[in-house]
């Protein structure tokens, strides 16, 4: 979901690894673990897809709430275009799902916003792959409940997120990485409950 080419930027004639690369390296094990955990859901079957959406919502909703409470729109003025809470709730309603069991997440710092956004925006890359799996379902109800997985398609949200990493160097790297770990753990915990 989050893998990609490494960032190498130049400033003042010197080269340095970007924060994206440091985030990716620091969270690669958590990312692999979460991918393995989510692969247990059969997205072509109604019960498996419903459980996947409930698990995703169980983490996404509190993470997005924490982002709003930390004033995410200050760093990302296009936040309303990025938020997927409405989309995932619409999909769950289409499938007649019970309300998701929400995990608890701590308040975010300014740099914590960045680490959380890294995980959420990066998950859009994996969503493209998952959307193809869902399209293989014979169940039309599943194929109609794809607002979450298709959210942001055609927009350059990942690229604009990466641009934000490149232009603003006042991030606290440790706080950003810690928040990314918390976001991955929230998704793992929510998947355990589903």
Protein backbone atom coordinates (compact mmCIF):
# COMPACT_ATOMS: atom_id res chain seq x y z
CA UNK A 1 0.00 0.00 0.00
CA UNK A 2 2.65 2.50 0.94
CA UNK A 3 5.66 1.20 -0.98
CA UNK A 4 7.13 3.42 -3.61
CA UNK A 5 10.33 4.88 -4.92
CA UNK A 6 12.58 6.42 -2.33
CA UNK A 7 12.65 10.16 -1.89
CA UNK A 8 15.92 11.91 -2.37
CA UNK A 9 15.80 15.69 -2.30
CA UNK A 10 18.43 18.35 -2.63
CA UNK A 11 18.77 21.46 -0.59
CA UNK A 12 21.70 23.81 -0.57
CA UNK A 13 23.60 21.50 -2.94
CA UNK A 14 23.45 18.50 -0.62
CA UNK A 15 21.35 15.39 -0.92
CA UNK A 16 19.31 13.91 1.90
CA UNK A 17 16.73 11.18 2.32
CA UNK A 18 13.21 12.48 2.55
CA UNK A 19 10.85 12.08 5.45
CA UNK A 20 8.73 9.81 3.27
CA UNK A 21 11.58 7.31 3.10
CA UNK A 22 12.16 7.49 6.86
CA UNK A 23 8.45 6.96 7.53
CA UNK A 24 8.33 4.05 5.08
CA UNK A 25 11.41 2.38 6.58
CA UNK A 26 10.28 2.87 10.18
CA UNK A 27 6.81 1.44 9.54
CA UNK A 28 7.54 -1.27 6.97
CA UNK A 29 7.08 -4.15 9.43
CA UNK A 30 3.80 -2.72 10.73
CA UNK A 31 2.65 -2.24 7.15
CA UNK A 32 3.49 -5.85 6.23
CA UNK A 33 1.73 -7.15 9.35
CA UNK A 34 -1.41 -5.16 8.61
CA UNK A 35 -1.46 -6.26 4.96
CA UNK A 36 -1.18 -9.89 6.07
CA UNK A 37 -3.95 -9.43 8.61
CA UNK A 38 -6.32 -7.76 6.13
CA UNK A 39 -5.63 -10.39 3.46
CA UNK A 40 -7.63 -12.81 5.61
CA UNK A 41 -10.84 -10.99 4.59
CA UNK A 42 -12.43 -12.39 1.42
CA UNK A 43 -13.55 -9.20 -0.30
CA UNK A 44 -15.56 -11.08 -2.91
CA UNK A 45 -17.94 -12.51 -0.27
CA UNK A 46 -20.47 -10.29 1.51
CA UNK A 47 -19.46 -11.34 5.04
CA UNK A 48 -15.74 -10.86 4.33
CA UNK A 49 -16.18 -7.49 2.66
CA UNK A 50 -18.51 -6.31 5.43
CA UNK A 51 -15.94 -7.34 8.06
CA UNK A 52 -13.19 -5.55 6.11
CA UNK A 53 -15.22 -2.33 5.97
CA UNK A 54 -16.15 -2.59 9.66
CA UNK A 55 -12.49 -3.09 10.58
CA UNK A 56 -11.40 -0.21 8.35
CA UNK A 57 -14.10 2.08 9.77
CA UNK A 58 -13.22 1.06 13.32
CA UNK A 59 -9.82 2.70 12.84
CA UNK A 60 -10.52 5.30 10.16
CA UNK A 61 -13.32 7.09 12.00
CA UNK A 62 -11.39 7.76 15.24
CA UNK A 63 -8.21 8.60 13.32
CA UNK A 64 -10.05 11.14 11.18
CA UNK A 65 -11.71 12.57 14.29
CA UNK A 66 -8.27 12.95 15.92
CA UNK A 67 -7.02 14.68 12.76
CA UNK A 68 -9.91 17.16 12.83
CA UNK A 69 -9.36 17.83 16.54
CA UNK A 70 -5.67 18.51 15.76
CA UNK A 71 -6.70 21.04 13.08
CA UNK A 72 -5.59 18.96 10.09
CA UNK A 73 -6.90 21.62 7.69
CA UNK A 74 -4.16 23.98 8.82
CA UNK A 75 -1.57 21.69 7.21
CA UNK A 76 -3.93 20.22 4.60
CA UNK A 77 -6.49 22.83 3.49
CA UNK A 78 -7.99 20.23 1.15
CA UNK A 79 -8.95 18.01 4.10
CA UNK A 80 -12.65 17.87 3.08
CA UNK A 81 -11.53 16.22 -0.18
CA UNK A 82 -9.35 13.73 1.70
CA UNK A 83 -11.72 12.63 4.47
CA UNK A 84 -13.29 9.21 3.85
CA UNK A 85 -15.54 8.85 6.90
CA UNK A 86 -18.72 9.67 4.99
CA UNK A 87 -17.75 7.28 2.18
CA UNK A 88 -17.08 4.29 4.44
CA UNK A 89 -20.26 4.87 6.47
CA UNK A 90 -22.26 4.98 3.22
CA UNK A 91 -20.74 1.64 2.15
CA UNK A 92 -21.55 0.06 5.50
CA UNK A 93 -25.11 1.32 5.28
CA UNK A 94 -25.46 -0.09 1.74
CA UNK A 95 -24.41 -3.47 3.08
CA UNK A 96 -26.73 -3.27 6.09
CA UNK A 97 -23.80 -3.50 8.50
CA UNK A 98 -23.88 -2.87 12.19
CA UNK A 99 -22.00 0.16 13.47
CA UNK A 100 -18.26 -0.47 13.60
CA UNK A 101 -16.48 -0.96 16.92
CA UNK A 102 -14.22 2.07 17.18
CA UNK A 103 -10.72 1.85 18.59
CA UNK A 104 -9.31 4.52 20.84
CA UNK A 105 -6.54 6.79 19.54
CA UNK A 106 -4.63 9.50 21.39
CA UNK A 107 -4.70 13.20 20.48
CA UNK A 108 -2.30 14.21 17.72
CA UNK A 109 0.48 16.77 17.65
CA UNK A 110 1.19 18.81 14.51
CA UNK A 111 3.79 16.25 13.41
CA UNK A 112 1.49 13.46 14.53
CA UNK A 113 -1.00 14.75 11.97
CA UNK A 114 1.61 14.15 9.29
CA UNK A 115 2.38 10.59 10.43
CA UNK A 116 -1.32 9.71 10.55
CA UNK A 117 -1.91 11.27 7.14
CA UNK A 118 0.99 9.23 5.78
CA UNK A 119 -0.81 6.01 6.70
CA UNK A 120 -4.27 7.14 5.56
CA UNK A 121 -3.12 8.66 2.28
CA UNK A 122 -0.84 5.72 1.59
CA UNK A 123 -3.74 3.35 2.05
CA UNK A 124 -5.29 4.84 -1.10
CA UNK A 125 -2.55 3.11 -3.08
CA UNK A 126 -3.59 -0.25 -1.66
CA UNK A 127 -7.25 0.60 -2.16
CA UNK A 128 -6.71 0.55 -5.93
CA UNK A 129 -5.62 -3.09 -5.70
CA UNK A 130 -8.45 -4.01 -3.32
CA UNK A 131 -10.97 -2.35 -5.62
CA UNK A 132 -9.94 -4.75 -8.38
CA UNK A 133 -10.56 -7.69 -6.03
CA UNK A 134 -14.00 -6.35 -5.11
CA UNK A 135 -14.85 -5.93 -8.79
CA UNK A 136 -14.40 -9.71 -9.17
CA UNK A 137 -17.27 -10.36 -6.77
CA UNK A 138 -20.41 -11.91 -8.20
CA UNK A 139 -22.45 -10.08 -5.57
CA UNK A 140 -23.82 -6.77 -6.95
CA UNK A 141 -24.28 -5.39 -3.41
CA UNK A 142 -20.53 -5.58 -2.89
CA UNK A 143 -19.77 -3.98 -6.25
CA UNK A 144 -22.07 -1.06 -5.39
CA UNK A 145 -20.46 -0.40 -1.99
CA UNK A 146 -17.11 0.96 -3.13
CA UNK A 147 -17.25 4.64 -2.11
CA UNK A 148 -14.46 4.08 0.44
CA UNK A 149 -12.11 2.13 -1.82
CA UNK A 150 -12.66 4.41 -4.82
CA UNK A 151 -12.56 7.67 -2.84
CA UNK A 152 -10.20 10.16 -4.43
CA UNK A 153 -9.78 8.21 -7.67
CA UNK A 154 -8.55 10.50 -10.39
CA UNK A 155 -7.30 13.11 -7.93
CA UNK A 156 -3.65 13.49 -7.14
CA UNK A 157 -4.03 13.25 -3.36
CA UNK A 158 -0.98 11.04 -2.75
CA UNK A 159 1.20 13.24 -4.93
CA UNK A 160 0.05 16.42 -3.19
CA UNK A 161 0.67 14.76 0.18
CA UNK A 162 4.23 13.93 -0.89
CA UNK A 163 4.71 17.52 -2.03
CA UNK A 164 3.75 18.64 1.48
CA UNK A 165 6.46 16.38 2.92
CA UNK A 166 9.02 17.87 0.58
CA UNK A 167 8.29 21.56 1.16
CA UNK A 168 7.81 21.72 4.92
CA UNK A 169 10.77 20.56 6.98
CA UNK A 170 9.55 21.70 10.39
CA UNK A 171 8.13 18.26 11.17
CA UNK A 172 9.29 16.39 14.25
CA UNK A 173 10.35 13.11 12.67
CA UNK A 174 10.01 11.04 15.86
CA UNK A 175 6.46 12.31 16.48
CA UNK A 176 5.46 11.65 12.87
CA UNK A 177 6.83 8.09 13.01
CA UNK A 178 5.19 7.41 16.38
CA UNK A 179 1.82 8.59 15.04
CA UNK A 180 2.20 6.42 11.93
CA UNK A 181 2.80 3.41 14.19
CA UNK A 182 -0.29 4.31 16.21
CA UNK A 183 -2.36 4.53 13.02
CA UNK A 184 -1.18 1.12 11.82
CA UNK A 185 -1.87 -0.33 15.28
CA UNK A 186 -5.38 1.15 15.23
CA UNK A 187 -6.15 -0.68 11.98
CA UNK A 188 -4.66 -3.92 13.38
CA UNK A 189 -6.71 -3.63 16.56
CA UNK A 190 -9.90 -2.91 14.61
CA UNK A 191 -9.25 -5.91 12.34
CA UNK A 192 -8.77 -8.12 15.44
CA UNK A 193 -12.22 -7.08 16.64
CA UNK A 194 -13.98 -7.85 13.34
